[in-house]
Amino acid sequence: MSYLLKMSENDKPGGNDGDASVVLETKTKTQRPPLYKVLLLNDDFTPMEFVVHVLERFFGMTHAQSFELMLTVHKKGVAVVGVFSHEIAETKVSQVMDFARRHQHPLQCTMEKE
């Protein structure tokens, strides 16, 4: 936080009132909200095609991007599928988990602070 000192009209040269009042203005710096990584976890039961579909539907990826990321999840066990504000990340995780459950797949999606 920084402070600016302003002189009143009476404090300027030539002002002979003798009143030495000082006005402080505060300038606040806004911070960007923290970001959260949305992670997709591998399991041995969810079909690869379903994971590709989830990535296309909820993360707006092309088929090629989705397929590549699905392979990363499959080979490494986990992959970051996006970075979002807290509310958006929370919504994405909820959407993916609900969709997976409705289709009876154990796909796991989580989020963590970046």
N, C-alpha and C. Protein backbone atom coordinates (compact mmCIF):
# COMPACT_ATOMS: atom_id res chain seq x y z
N MET A 1 0.86 -1.16 0.00
CA MET A 1 0.00 0.00 0.00
C MET A 1 0.91 1.23 0.00
N SER A 2 0.60 2.21 -0.81
CA SER A 2 1.40 3.43 -0.85
C SER A 2 0.54 4.61 -0.44
N TYR A 3 1.18 5.62 0.05
CA TYR A 3 0.48 6.81 0.52
C TYR A 3 0.94 8.02 -0.26
N LEU A 4 0.00 8.89 -0.60
CA LEU A 4 0.32 10.14 -1.25
C LEU A 4 0.06 11.27 -0.28
N LEU A 5 0.97 12.19 -0.20
CA LEU A 5 0.81 13.36 0.65
C LEU A 5 0.31 14.50 -0.20
N LYS A 6 -0.77 15.12 0.21
CA LYS A 6 -1.30 16.28 -0.51
C LYS A 6 -1.31 17.46 0.43
N MET A 7 -0.91 18.57 -0.11
CA MET A 7 -0.93 19.80 0.69
C MET A 7 -2.26 20.48 0.46
N SER A 8 -2.80 21.07 1.49
CA SER A 8 -4.03 21.83 1.31
C SER A 8 -3.67 23.18 0.71
N GLU A 9 -4.67 23.91 0.23
CA GLU A 9 -4.44 25.23 -0.37
C GLU A 9 -3.68 26.15 0.58
N ASN A 10 -3.92 26.01 1.86
CA ASN A 10 -3.28 26.88 2.85
C ASN A 10 -1.82 26.53 3.06
N ASP A 11 -1.41 25.31 2.68
CA ASP A 11 -0.03 24.89 2.90
C ASP A 11 0.89 25.29 1.76
N LYS A 12 0.32 25.68 0.63
CA LYS A 12 1.13 26.03 -0.52
C LYS A 12 1.83 27.35 -0.26
N PRO A 13 2.97 27.55 -0.92
CA PRO A 13 3.67 28.82 -0.75
C PRO A 13 2.74 29.99 -1.04
N GLY A 14 2.80 30.96 -0.20
CA GLY A 14 1.94 32.13 -0.35
C GLY A 14 0.71 32.02 0.52
N GLY A 15 0.37 30.84 0.96
CA GLY A 15 -0.77 30.67 1.86
C GLY A 15 -0.29 31.04 3.26
N ASN A 16 -0.91 31.98 3.88
CA ASN A 16 -0.40 32.48 5.16
C ASN A 16 -1.36 32.21 6.29
N ASP A 17 -2.14 31.18 6.16
CA ASP A 17 -3.09 30.83 7.21
C ASP A 17 -2.38 30.21 8.39
N GLY A 18 -1.29 29.46 8.11
CA GLY A 18 -0.55 28.82 9.19
C GLY A 18 -1.08 27.45 9.56
N ASP A 19 -2.21 27.03 8.97
CA ASP A 19 -2.78 25.71 9.24
C ASP A 19 -2.01 24.67 8.43
N ALA A 20 -1.38 23.72 9.08
CA ALA A 20 -0.54 22.72 8.39
C ALA A 20 -1.26 21.39 8.32
N SER A 21 -2.46 21.36 7.74
CA SER A 21 -3.20 20.10 7.63
C SER A 21 -2.68 19.29 6.45
N VAL A 22 -2.63 17.99 6.63
CA VAL A 22 -2.13 17.08 5.61
C VAL A 22 -3.24 16.06 5.32
N VAL A 23 -3.47 15.81 4.04
CA VAL A 23 -4.48 14.84 3.64
C VAL A 23 -3.75 13.61 3.09
N LEU A 24 -4.06 12.43 3.63
CA LEU A 24 -3.46 11.19 3.15
C LEU A 24 -4.45 10.46 2.27
N GLU A 25 -4.01 10.05 1.10
CA GLU A 25 -4.82 9.22 0.22
C GLU A 25 -4.16 7.85 0.16
N THR A 26 -4.94 6.81 0.32
CA THR A 26 -4.38 5.46 0.21
C THR A 26 -4.69 4.89 -1.16
N LYS A 27 -3.71 4.27 -1.73
CA LYS A 27 -3.89 3.57 -2.99
C LYS A 27 -3.69 2.08 -2.69
N THR A 28 -4.71 1.30 -2.97
CA THR A 28 -4.57 -0.13 -2.72
C THR A 28 -4.25 -0.84 -4.03
N LYS A 29 -3.41 -1.85 -3.91
CA LYS A 29 -3.08 -2.67 -5.06
C LYS A 29 -3.96 -3.91 -5.02
N THR A 30 -4.63 -4.18 -6.11
CA THR A 30 -5.47 -5.37 -6.15
C THR A 30 -4.61 -6.56 -6.57
N GLN A 31 -4.93 -7.69 -6.01
CA GLN A 31 -4.21 -8.92 -6.36
C GLN A 31 -5.10 -9.81 -7.19
N ARG A 32 -4.49 -10.53 -8.09
CA ARG A 32 -5.25 -11.50 -8.88
C ARG A 32 -5.65 -12.65 -7.96
N PRO A 33 -6.84 -13.19 -8.18
CA PRO A 33 -7.25 -14.33 -7.35
C PRO A 33 -6.36 -15.54 -7.65
N PRO A 34 -6.17 -16.40 -6.66
CA PRO A 34 -5.33 -17.58 -6.90
C PRO A 34 -5.97 -18.49 -7.95
N LEU A 35 -5.13 -19.19 -8.67
CA LEU A 35 -5.61 -20.10 -9.71
C LEU A 35 -5.51 -21.54 -9.21
N TYR A 36 -6.33 -22.39 -9.80
CA TYR A 36 -6.39 -23.79 -9.40
C TYR A 36 -6.25 -24.69 -10.62
N LYS A 37 -5.43 -25.73 -10.45
CA LYS A 37 -5.25 -26.73 -11.51
C LYS A 37 -6.35 -27.78 -11.37
N VAL A 38 -6.95 -28.12 -12.49
CA VAL A 38 -7.91 -29.22 -12.51
C VAL A 38 -7.15 -30.44 -13.04
N LEU A 39 -7.19 -31.53 -12.27
CA LEU A 39 -6.44 -32.74 -12.57
C LEU A 39 -7.38 -33.90 -12.89
N LEU A 40 -7.00 -34.67 -13.86
CA LEU A 40 -7.73 -35.89 -14.20
C LEU A 40 -6.84 -37.06 -13.81
N LEU A 41 -7.41 -38.04 -13.10
CA LEU A 41 -6.65 -39.18 -12.59
C LEU A 41 -6.98 -40.44 -13.38
N ASN A 42 -5.97 -41.24 -13.59
CA ASN A 42 -6.15 -42.49 -14.33
C ASN A 42 -6.79 -43.56 -13.43
N ASP A 43 -7.56 -44.41 -14.06
CA ASP A 43 -8.05 -45.61 -13.39
C ASP A 43 -8.06 -46.73 -14.41
N ASP A 44 -8.27 -47.95 -13.96
CA ASP A 44 -8.20 -49.12 -14.85
C ASP A 44 -9.54 -49.48 -15.49
N PHE A 45 -10.57 -48.68 -15.24
CA PHE A 45 -11.91 -49.08 -15.68
C PHE A 45 -12.58 -48.12 -16.64
N THR A 46 -12.30 -46.83 -16.55
CA THR A 46 -12.94 -45.86 -17.43
C THR A 46 -12.38 -46.00 -18.85
N PRO A 47 -13.25 -46.18 -19.84
CA PRO A 47 -12.77 -46.31 -21.22
C PRO A 47 -12.07 -45.03 -21.70
N MET A 48 -11.05 -45.22 -22.51
CA MET A 48 -10.29 -44.09 -23.04
C MET A 48 -11.18 -43.15 -23.85
N GLU A 49 -12.12 -43.72 -24.58
CA GLU A 49 -13.03 -42.91 -25.40
C GLU A 49 -13.88 -41.99 -24.53
N PHE A 50 -14.25 -42.47 -23.35
CA PHE A 50 -15.05 -41.65 -22.44
C PHE A 50 -14.23 -40.47 -21.94
N VAL A 51 -12.97 -40.70 -21.62
CA VAL A 51 -12.09 -39.62 -21.15
C VAL A 51 -11.93 -38.57 -22.26
N VAL A 52 -11.74 -39.02 -23.48
CA VAL A 52 -11.63 -38.10 -24.62
C VAL A 52 -12.90 -37.27 -24.73
N HIS A 53 -14.04 -37.92 -24.60
CA HIS A 53 -15.33 -37.21 -24.67
C HIS A 53 -15.45 -36.15 -23.56
N VAL A 54 -15.04 -36.49 -22.35
CA VAL A 54 -15.09 -35.56 -21.21
C VAL A 54 -14.21 -34.33 -21.50
N LEU A 55 -13.02 -34.56 -22.01
CA LEU A 55 -12.10 -33.45 -22.29
C LEU A 55 -12.65 -32.53 -23.39
N GLU A 56 -13.29 -33.12 -24.38
CA GLU A 56 -13.89 -32.31 -25.44
C GLU A 56 -15.09 -31.52 -24.90
N ARG A 57 -15.93 -32.19 -24.16
CA ARG A 57 -17.19 -31.59 -23.70
C ARG A 57 -17.00 -30.52 -22.62
N PHE A 58 -16.18 -30.81 -21.62
CA PHE A 58 -16.08 -29.90 -20.48
C PHE A 58 -14.89 -28.95 -20.52
N PHE A 59 -13.91 -29.25 -21.37
CA PHE A 59 -12.72 -28.41 -21.41
C PHE A 59 -12.48 -27.80 -22.79
N GLY A 60 -13.41 -28.03 -23.71
CA GLY A 60 -13.36 -27.39 -25.02
C GLY A 60 -12.17 -27.75 -25.87
N MET A 61 -11.64 -28.93 -25.68
CA MET A 61 -10.47 -29.35 -26.46
C MET A 61 -10.92 -29.99 -27.77
N THR A 62 -10.03 -29.95 -28.74
CA THR A 62 -10.27 -30.65 -30.00
C THR A 62 -10.11 -32.15 -29.73
N HIS A 63 -10.52 -32.94 -30.71
CA HIS A 63 -10.38 -34.39 -30.55
C HIS A 63 -8.90 -34.78 -30.41
N ALA A 64 -8.05 -34.15 -31.22
CA ALA A 64 -6.61 -34.46 -31.17
C ALA A 64 -6.01 -34.07 -29.82
N GLN A 65 -6.36 -32.89 -29.30
CA GLN A 65 -5.86 -32.45 -27.99
C GLN A 65 -6.34 -33.39 -26.90
N SER A 66 -7.62 -33.75 -26.97
CA SER A 66 -8.20 -34.64 -25.96
C SER A 66 -7.54 -36.01 -25.97
N PHE A 67 -7.30 -36.53 -27.16
CA PHE A 67 -6.68 -37.85 -27.28
C PHE A 67 -5.26 -37.83 -26.70
N GLU A 68 -4.52 -36.77 -27.02
CA GLU A 68 -3.14 -36.65 -26.51
C GLU A 68 -3.12 -36.54 -24.99
N LEU A 69 -4.02 -35.75 -24.44
CA LEU A 69 -4.06 -35.58 -22.98
C LEU A 69 -4.55 -36.86 -22.30
N MET A 70 -5.48 -37.56 -22.93
CA MET A 70 -5.94 -38.83 -22.38
C MET A 70 -4.79 -39.82 -22.29
N LEU A 71 -3.92 -39.84 -23.30
CA LEU A 71 -2.75 -40.72 -23.27
C LEU A 71 -1.79 -40.33 -22.15
N THR A 72 -1.65 -39.03 -21.91
CA THR A 72 -0.81 -38.56 -20.81
C THR A 72 -1.36 -39.05 -19.48
N VAL A 73 -2.67 -38.92 -19.30
CA VAL A 73 -3.31 -39.41 -18.07
C VAL A 73 -3.09 -40.92 -17.95
N HIS A 74 -3.25 -41.63 -19.03
CA HIS A 74 -3.11 -43.09 -19.03
C HIS A 74 -1.68 -43.52 -18.69
N LYS A 75 -0.69 -42.84 -19.24
CA LYS A 75 0.71 -43.23 -19.05
C LYS A 75 1.29 -42.72 -17.72
N LYS A 76 0.95 -41.50 -17.34
CA LYS A 76 1.54 -40.90 -16.13
C LYS A 76 0.67 -41.02 -14.90
N GLY A 77 -0.60 -41.37 -15.08
CA GLY A 77 -1.49 -41.53 -13.94
C GLY A 77 -2.28 -40.28 -13.59
N VAL A 78 -1.82 -39.13 -14.05
CA VAL A 78 -2.50 -37.86 -13.75
C VAL A 78 -2.04 -36.82 -14.77
N ALA A 79 -2.91 -35.85 -15.04
CA ALA A 79 -2.53 -34.74 -15.92
C ALA A 79 -3.37 -33.51 -15.58
N VAL A 80 -2.76 -32.36 -15.76
CA VAL A 80 -3.48 -31.10 -15.58
C VAL A 80 -4.28 -30.87 -16.85
N VAL A 81 -5.58 -30.68 -16.71
CA VAL A 81 -6.44 -30.47 -17.87
C VAL A 81 -6.83 -29.01 -18.05
N GLY A 82 -6.50 -28.18 -17.06
CA GLY A 82 -6.79 -26.75 -17.17
C GLY A 82 -6.45 -26.04 -15.88
N VAL A 83 -6.32 -24.71 -15.98
CA VAL A 83 -6.05 -23.87 -14.82
C VAL A 83 -7.10 -22.76 -14.82
N PHE A 84 -7.80 -22.63 -13.69
CA PHE A 84 -8.96 -21.74 -13.62
C PHE A 84 -9.03 -21.04 -12.26
N SER A 85 -9.93 -20.08 -12.17
CA SER A 85 -10.23 -19.48 -10.87
C SER A 85 -10.90 -20.55 -10.01
N HIS A 86 -11.00 -20.32 -8.73
CA HIS A 86 -11.53 -21.32 -7.80
C HIS A 86 -12.93 -21.77 -8.20
N GLU A 87 -13.82 -20.82 -8.48
CA GLU A 87 -15.20 -21.15 -8.79
C GLU A 87 -15.33 -21.97 -10.06
N ILE A 88 -14.58 -21.59 -11.09
CA ILE A 88 -14.65 -22.31 -12.35
C ILE A 88 -14.05 -23.71 -12.21
N ALA A 89 -12.93 -23.81 -11.52
CA ALA A 89 -12.30 -25.12 -11.29
C ALA A 89 -13.25 -26.04 -10.53
N GLU A 90 -13.88 -25.50 -9.50
CA GLU A 90 -14.82 -26.27 -8.69
C GLU A 90 -16.00 -26.77 -9.55
N THR A 91 -16.48 -25.90 -10.41
CA THR A 91 -17.59 -26.27 -11.30
C THR A 91 -17.17 -27.35 -12.27
N LYS A 92 -15.99 -27.22 -12.87
CA LYS A 92 -15.50 -28.22 -13.82
C LYS A 92 -15.37 -29.59 -13.15
N VAL A 93 -14.77 -29.62 -11.96
CA VAL A 93 -14.60 -30.87 -11.22
C VAL A 93 -15.97 -31.51 -10.95
N SER A 94 -16.90 -30.69 -10.50
CA SER A 94 -18.25 -31.19 -10.20
C SER A 94 -18.94 -31.73 -11.45
N GLN A 95 -18.82 -31.01 -12.57
CA GLN A 95 -19.44 -31.45 -13.82
C GLN A 95 -18.87 -32.80 -14.28
N VAL A 96 -17.55 -32.91 -14.23
CA VAL A 96 -16.89 -34.14 -14.68
C VAL A 96 -17.28 -35.31 -13.78
N MET A 97 -17.24 -35.09 -12.47
CA MET A 97 -17.57 -36.17 -11.53
C MET A 97 -19.03 -36.61 -11.69
N ASP A 98 -19.94 -35.67 -11.82
CA ASP A 98 -21.36 -36.01 -12.01
C ASP A 98 -21.58 -36.78 -13.30
N PHE A 99 -20.94 -36.32 -14.37
CA PHE A 99 -21.08 -36.97 -15.67
C PHE A 99 -20.53 -38.39 -15.63
N ALA A 100 -19.39 -38.57 -14.99
CA ALA A 100 -18.79 -39.90 -14.87
C ALA A 100 -19.70 -40.84 -14.07
N ARG A 101 -20.24 -40.34 -12.97
CA ARG A 101 -21.12 -41.18 -12.13
C ARG A 101 -22.38 -41.58 -12.88
N ARG A 102 -22.95 -40.62 -13.63
CA ARG A 102 -24.17 -40.92 -14.39
C ARG A 102 -23.92 -42.01 -15.44
N HIS A 103 -22.69 -42.06 -15.92
CA HIS A 103 -22.34 -43.07 -16.92
C HIS A 103 -21.64 -44.28 -16.28
N GLN A 104 -21.69 -44.33 -14.97
CA GLN A 104 -21.17 -45.45 -14.17
C GLN A 104 -19.69 -45.73 -14.42
N HIS A 105 -18.90 -44.64 -14.45
CA HIS A 105 -17.45 -44.76 -14.57
C HIS A 105 -16.80 -44.19 -13.32
N PRO A 106 -15.70 -44.80 -12.86
CA PRO A 106 -15.04 -44.33 -11.64
C PRO A 106 -14.02 -43.20 -11.88
N LEU A 107 -14.13 -42.49 -12.99
CA LEU A 107 -13.20 -41.41 -13.32
C LEU A 107 -13.13 -40.40 -12.19
N GLN A 108 -11.92 -40.01 -11.82
CA GLN A 108 -11.71 -39.04 -10.74
C GLN A 108 -11.14 -37.73 -11.31
N CYS A 109 -11.68 -36.64 -10.83
CA CYS A 109 -11.23 -35.32 -11.23
C CYS A 109 -11.08 -34.50 -9.95
N THR A 110 -9.96 -33.84 -9.78
CA THR A 110 -9.71 -33.06 -8.57
C THR A 110 -9.15 -31.70 -8.94
N MET A 111 -8.97 -30.86 -7.93
CA MET A 111 -8.35 -29.57 -8.15
C MET A 111 -7.38 -29.28 -7.03
N GLU A 112 -6.36 -28.49 -7.34
CA GLU A 112 -5.40 -28.07 -6.31
C GLU A 112 -4.89 -26.68 -6.67
N LYS A 113 -4.52 -25.95 -5.63
CA LYS A 113 -4.02 -24.59 -5.82
C LYS A 113 -2.72 -24.63 -6.61
N GLU A 114 -2.61 -23.71 -7.56
CA GLU A 114 -1.41 -23.67 -8.39
C GLU A 114 -0.24 -23.11 -7.62
